[in-house]
């Protein structure tokens, strides 16, 4: 039996804070070819998840602790949906449908999510990433991540 307990979450939180990407994960599935991918993801504010799309796969995220914002974008980079996830006053579960650009930001330190999606895992090709969003580590990525924290539905990022 596998479990996600306080000890595992605390270990993931330490790893996420020490990671240059400010996030880490723990796979519950044994192999990347598993037909259902199940992972626990710890991430911190400042962790940049470049908006991306899955042509044929949905993704479910369940908030375990902290707070996060889920964002959906159209093909031009305009925010079409924004959902606040919070243990106190917000959604606890979201499902991104196939064929939509999406991203998430951690709104509080020590945010932990459970992610479930169809497998097998395949490294996403570059064309799955939004061409209007900076690549991870590229100039502008930090500013884009900060913008996602407060951007409203209907807005698009304009580099400063």
C-alpha atoms as a PDB file:
ATOM      1  CA  UNK A   1       0.000   0.000   0.000  1.00  0.00           C
ATOM      2  CA  UNK A   2       1.194   3.501  -0.805  1.00  0.00           C
ATOM      3  CA  UNK A   3       0.313   6.537   1.246  1.00  0.00           C
ATOM      4  CA  UNK A   4       0.858  10.246   1.270  1.00  0.00           C
ATOM      5  CA  UNK A   5       1.375  11.214   4.887  1.00  0.00           C
ATOM      6  CA  UNK A   6       2.812  14.178   6.769  1.00  0.00           C
ATOM      7  CA  UNK A   7       6.349  12.735   6.646  1.00  0.00           C
ATOM      8  CA  UNK A   8       6.285  12.376   2.846  1.00  0.00           C
ATOM      9  CA  UNK A   9       4.774  15.838   2.389  1.00  0.00           C
ATOM     10  CA  UNK A  10       7.408  17.393   4.663  1.00  0.00           C
ATOM     11  CA  UNK A  11      10.188  15.669   2.680  1.00  0.00           C
ATOM     12  CA  UNK A  12       8.711  16.939  -0.598  1.00  0.00           C
ATOM     13  CA  UNK A  13       8.455  20.464   0.767  1.00  0.00           C
ATOM     14  CA  UNK A  14      12.135  20.492   1.729  1.00  0.00           C
ATOM     15  CA  UNK A  15      13.063  19.219  -1.743  1.00  0.00           C
ATOM     16  CA  UNK A  16      10.848  21.785  -3.474  1.00  0.00           C
ATOM     17  CA  UNK A  17      12.429  24.675  -1.562  1.00  0.00           C
ATOM     18  CA  UNK A  18      15.929  23.373  -2.416  1.00  0.00           C
ATOM     19  CA  UNK A  19      15.136  22.814  -6.102  1.00  0.00           C
ATOM     20  CA  UNK A  20      16.096  25.533  -8.618  1.00  0.00           C
ATOM     21  CA  UNK A  21      12.603  25.017 -10.121  1.00  0.00           C
ATOM     22  CA  UNK A  22      10.970  25.422  -6.661  1.00  0.00           C
ATOM     23  CA  UNK A  23       9.022  22.200  -7.149  1.00  0.00           C
ATOM     24  CA  UNK A  24       9.368  18.462  -6.888  1.00  0.00           C
ATOM     25  CA  UNK A  25       7.145  15.438  -7.200  1.00  0.00           C
ATOM     26  CA  UNK A  26       6.667  11.922  -5.927  1.00  0.00           C
ATOM     27  CA  UNK A  27       5.318   9.306  -8.341  1.00  0.00           C
ATOM     28  CA  UNK A  28       2.858   6.789  -7.012  1.00  0.00           C
ATOM     29  CA  UNK A  29       2.902   4.930 -10.326  1.00  0.00           C
ATOM     30  CA  UNK A  30       5.759   2.453 -10.689  1.00  0.00           C
ATOM     31  CA  UNK A  31       6.751   3.075 -14.304  1.00  0.00           C
ATOM     32  CA  UNK A  32       6.355   5.903 -16.818  1.00  0.00           C
ATOM     33  CA  UNK A  33       4.428   3.543 -19.079  1.00  0.00           C
ATOM     34  CA  UNK A  34       1.662   3.133 -16.455  1.00  0.00           C
ATOM     35  CA  UNK A  35      -1.746   3.867 -18.042  1.00  0.00           C
ATOM     36  CA  UNK A  36      -2.619   6.206 -15.149  1.00  0.00           C
ATOM     37  CA  UNK A  37      -0.026   8.688 -13.906  1.00  0.00           C
ATOM     38  CA  UNK A  38      -0.443   9.597 -10.225  1.00  0.00           C
ATOM     39  CA  UNK A  39       1.909  12.004  -8.523  1.00  0.00           C
ATOM     40  CA  UNK A  40       2.155  14.276  -5.539  1.00  0.00           C
ATOM     41  CA  UNK A  41       3.580  17.693  -6.467  1.00  0.00           C
ATOM     42  CA  UNK A  42       5.009  20.188  -3.974  1.00  0.00           C
ATOM     43  CA  UNK A  43       5.660  23.669  -5.304  1.00  0.00           C
ATOM     44  CA  UNK A  44       6.411  27.136  -4.027  1.00  0.00           C
ATOM     45  CA  UNK A  45       5.530  30.647  -5.185  1.00  0.00           C
ATOM     46  CA  UNK A  46       7.975  31.501  -7.960  1.00  0.00           C
ATOM     47  CA  UNK A  47       7.851  28.045  -9.534  1.00  0.00           C
ATOM     48  CA  UNK A  48       7.186  28.714 -13.227  1.00  0.00           C
ATOM     49  CA  UNK A  49       5.026  26.186 -15.025  1.00  0.00           C
ATOM     50  CA  UNK A  50       5.022  27.317 -18.645  1.00  0.00           C
ATOM     51  CA  UNK A  51       1.514  27.216 -20.110  1.00  0.00           C
ATOM     52  CA  UNK A  52       1.099  24.071 -22.163  1.00  0.00           C
ATOM     53  CA  UNK A  53      -1.501  21.925 -23.881  1.00  0.00           C
ATOM     54  CA  UNK A  54      -2.308  18.219 -24.114  1.00  0.00           C
ATOM     55  CA  UNK A  55      -4.081  17.324 -27.324  1.00  0.00           C
ATOM     56  CA  UNK A  56      -5.629  14.123 -26.048  1.00  0.00           C
ATOM     57  CA  UNK A  57      -5.290  14.092 -22.261  1.00  0.00           C
ATOM     58  CA  UNK A  58      -7.128  15.606 -19.343  1.00  0.00           C
ATOM     59  CA  UNK A  59      -5.420  16.338 -16.007  1.00  0.00           C
ATOM     60  CA  UNK A  60      -6.925  16.393 -12.529  1.00  0.00           C
ATOM     61  CA  UNK A  61      -5.356  18.324  -9.644  1.00  0.00           C
ATOM     62  CA  UNK A  62      -6.474  17.926  -6.034  1.00  0.00           C
ATOM     63  CA  UNK A  63      -5.245  20.462  -3.483  1.00  0.00           C
ATOM     64  CA  UNK A  64      -3.740  18.751  -0.431  1.00  0.00           C
ATOM     65  CA  UNK A  65      -2.438  21.884   1.297  1.00  0.00           C
ATOM     66  CA  UNK A  66      -1.661  25.523   0.619  1.00  0.00           C
ATOM     67  CA  UNK A  67      -3.248  27.565  -2.140  1.00  0.00           C
ATOM     68  CA  UNK A  68      -2.906  27.680  -5.894  1.00  0.00           C
ATOM     69  CA  UNK A  69      -4.393  29.330  -8.948  1.00  0.00           C
ATOM     70  CA  UNK A  70      -5.290  27.362 -12.065  1.00  0.00           C
ATOM     71  CA  UNK A  71      -5.331  29.277 -15.349  1.00  0.00           C
ATOM     72  CA  UNK A  72      -6.706  28.425 -18.785  1.00  0.00           C
ATOM     73  CA  UNK A  73      -5.617  30.431 -21.838  1.00  0.00           C
ATOM     74  CA  UNK A  74      -6.845  30.663 -25.398  1.00  0.00           C
ATOM     75  CA  UNK A  75      -4.490  30.065 -28.340  1.00  0.00           C
ATOM     76  CA  UNK A  76      -3.405  33.741 -28.253  1.00  0.00           C
ATOM     77  CA  UNK A  77      -2.527  33.799 -24.549  1.00  0.00           C
ATOM     78  CA  UNK A  78      -5.650  35.489 -23.205  1.00  0.00           C
ATOM     79  CA  UNK A  79      -6.859  34.101 -19.877  1.00  0.00           C
ATOM     80  CA  UNK A  80     -10.268  32.479 -20.333  1.00  0.00           C
ATOM     81  CA  UNK A  81     -10.645  30.872 -16.899  1.00  0.00           C
ATOM     82  CA  UNK A  82      -9.094  31.424 -13.488  1.00  0.00           C
ATOM     83  CA  UNK A  83      -9.835  29.169 -10.515  1.00  0.00           C
ATOM     84  CA  UNK A  84      -8.533  29.715  -7.001  1.00  0.00           C
ATOM     85  CA  UNK A  85      -7.768  26.525  -5.091  1.00  0.00           C
ATOM     86  CA  UNK A  86      -7.621  26.859  -1.323  1.00  0.00           C
ATOM     87  CA  UNK A  87      -8.153  24.708   1.726  1.00  0.00           C
ATOM     88  CA  UNK A  88     -10.038  27.597   3.324  1.00  0.00           C
ATOM     89  CA  UNK A  89     -12.232  29.154   0.669  1.00  0.00           C
ATOM     90  CA  UNK A  90     -11.901  27.881  -2.848  1.00  0.00           C
ATOM     91  CA  UNK A  91     -12.060  24.872  -5.092  1.00  0.00           C
ATOM     92  CA  UNK A  92     -10.250  21.723  -3.967  1.00  0.00           C
ATOM     93  CA  UNK A  93     -10.211  19.884  -7.309  1.00  0.00           C
ATOM     94  CA  UNK A  94      -9.945  21.010 -10.907  1.00  0.00           C
ATOM     95  CA  UNK A  95      -9.820  19.129 -14.169  1.00  0.00           C
ATOM     96  CA  UNK A  96      -8.157  20.632 -17.209  1.00  0.00           C
ATOM     97  CA  UNK A  97      -9.783  19.227 -20.352  1.00  0.00           C
ATOM     98  CA  UNK A  98      -7.736  18.167 -23.376  1.00  0.00           C
ATOM     99  CA  UNK A  99      -6.825  20.804 -25.921  1.00  0.00           C
ATOM    100  CA  UNK A 100      -6.561  23.837 -23.641  1.00  0.00           C
ATOM    101  CA  UNK A 101      -3.475  25.818 -22.708  1.00  0.00           C
ATOM    102  CA  UNK A 102      -3.126  25.809 -18.933  1.00  0.00           C
ATOM    103  CA  UNK A 103      -0.790  26.539 -16.049  1.00  0.00           C
ATOM    104  CA  UNK A 104      -0.779  26.824 -12.279  1.00  0.00           C
ATOM    105  CA  UNK A 105       0.921  29.035  -9.724  1.00  0.00           C
ATOM    106  CA  UNK A 106       1.480  28.426  -6.019  1.00  0.00           C
ATOM    107  CA  UNK A 107      -0.161  31.243  -4.071  1.00  0.00           C
ATOM    108  CA  UNK A 108       1.253  30.176  -0.706  1.00  0.00           C
ATOM    109  CA  UNK A 109       4.483  28.545   0.408  1.00  0.00           C
ATOM    110  CA  UNK A 110       4.249  24.800   1.019  1.00  0.00           C
ATOM    111  CA  UNK A 111       1.558  24.137  -1.594  1.00  0.00           C
ATOM    112  CA  UNK A 112       0.981  20.467  -2.384  1.00  0.00           C
ATOM    113  CA  UNK A 113      -1.228  19.002  -5.112  1.00  0.00           C
ATOM    114  CA  UNK A 114      -2.138  15.507  -6.229  1.00  0.00           C
ATOM    115  CA  UNK A 115      -1.996  15.157 -10.025  1.00  0.00           C
ATOM    116  CA  UNK A 116      -3.759  12.400 -11.944  1.00  0.00           C
ATOM    117  CA  UNK A 117      -3.680  12.007 -15.732  1.00  0.00           C
ATOM    118  CA  UNK A 118      -3.718   9.314 -18.388  1.00  0.00           C
ATOM    119  CA  UNK A 119      -0.397   7.702 -19.228  1.00  0.00           C
ATOM    120  CA  UNK A 120       1.942   6.668 -20.473  1.00  0.00           C
ATOM    121  CA  UNK A 121       4.230   9.597 -19.734  1.00  0.00           C
ATOM    122  CA  UNK A 122       5.946  11.100 -22.744  1.00  0.00           C
ATOM    123  CA  UNK A 123       8.203  14.126 -22.571  1.00  0.00           C
ATOM    124  CA  UNK A 124       6.136  16.964 -24.037  1.00  0.00           C
ATOM    125  CA  UNK A 125       7.350  18.194 -27.406  1.00  0.00           C
ATOM    126  CA  UNK A 126       8.140  21.893 -27.774  1.00  0.00           C
ATOM    127  CA  UNK A 127       4.925  22.439 -29.769  1.00  0.00           C
ATOM    128  CA  UNK A 128       2.895  21.550 -26.649  1.00  0.00           C
ATOM    129  CA  UNK A 129       4.188  24.707 -24.936  1.00  0.00           C
ATOM    130  CA  UNK A 130       2.569  28.083 -25.506  1.00  0.00           C
ATOM    131  CA  UNK A 131       4.571  30.030 -28.094  1.00  0.00           C
ATOM    132  CA  UNK A 132       3.504  33.312 -26.420  1.00  0.00           C
ATOM    133  CA  UNK A 133       4.957  32.326 -23.007  1.00  0.00           C
ATOM    134  CA  UNK A 134       8.665  32.433 -22.152  1.00  0.00           C
ATOM    135  CA  UNK A 135      10.539  29.164 -21.781  1.00  0.00           C
ATOM    136  CA  UNK A 136      11.488  28.093 -18.271  1.00  0.00           C
ATOM    137  CA  UNK A 137      14.727  29.845 -17.248  1.00  0.00           C
ATOM    138  CA  UNK A 138      14.451  32.354 -20.107  1.00  0.00           C
ATOM    139  CA  UNK A 139      14.383  36.118 -19.621  1.00  0.00           C
ATOM    140  CA  UNK A 140      10.808  37.071 -18.840  1.00  0.00           C
ATOM    141  CA  UNK A 141       9.791  33.774 -17.218  1.00  0.00           C
ATOM    142  CA  UNK A 142       9.888  35.209 -13.684  1.00  0.00           C
ATOM    143  CA  UNK A 143       7.842  38.242 -14.714  1.00  0.00           C
ATOM    144  CA  UNK A 144       5.309  36.016 -16.506  1.00  0.00           C
ATOM    145  CA  UNK A 145       4.956  33.821 -13.384  1.00  0.00           C
ATOM    146  CA  UNK A 146       4.407  36.911 -11.198  1.00  0.00           C
ATOM    147  CA  UNK A 147       1.799  38.214 -13.679  1.00  0.00           C
ATOM    148  CA  UNK A 148      -0.186  34.954 -13.494  1.00  0.00           C
ATOM    149  CA  UNK A 149      -0.732  35.487  -9.750  1.00  0.00           C
ATOM    150  CA  UNK A 150      -3.039  38.451 -10.290  1.00  0.00           C
ATOM    151  CA  UNK A 151      -4.000  38.481 -13.988  1.00  0.00           C
ATOM    152  CA  UNK A 152      -7.729  38.656 -14.622  1.00  0.00           C
ATOM    153  CA  UNK A 153      -9.869  36.708 -17.071  1.00  0.00           C
ATOM    154  CA  UNK A 154      -9.687  38.525 -20.409  1.00  0.00           C
ATOM    155  CA  UNK A 155      -6.131  39.776 -19.918  1.00  0.00           C
ATOM    156  CA  UNK A 156      -3.020  38.890 -21.888  1.00  0.00           C
ATOM    157  CA  UNK A 157       0.591  39.266 -20.804  1.00  0.00           C
ATOM    158  CA  UNK A 158       2.425  42.303 -22.115  1.00  0.00           C
ATOM    159  CA  UNK A 159       6.187  42.144 -21.416  1.00  0.00           C
ATOM    160  CA  UNK A 160       7.556  45.207 -19.635  1.00  0.00           C
END
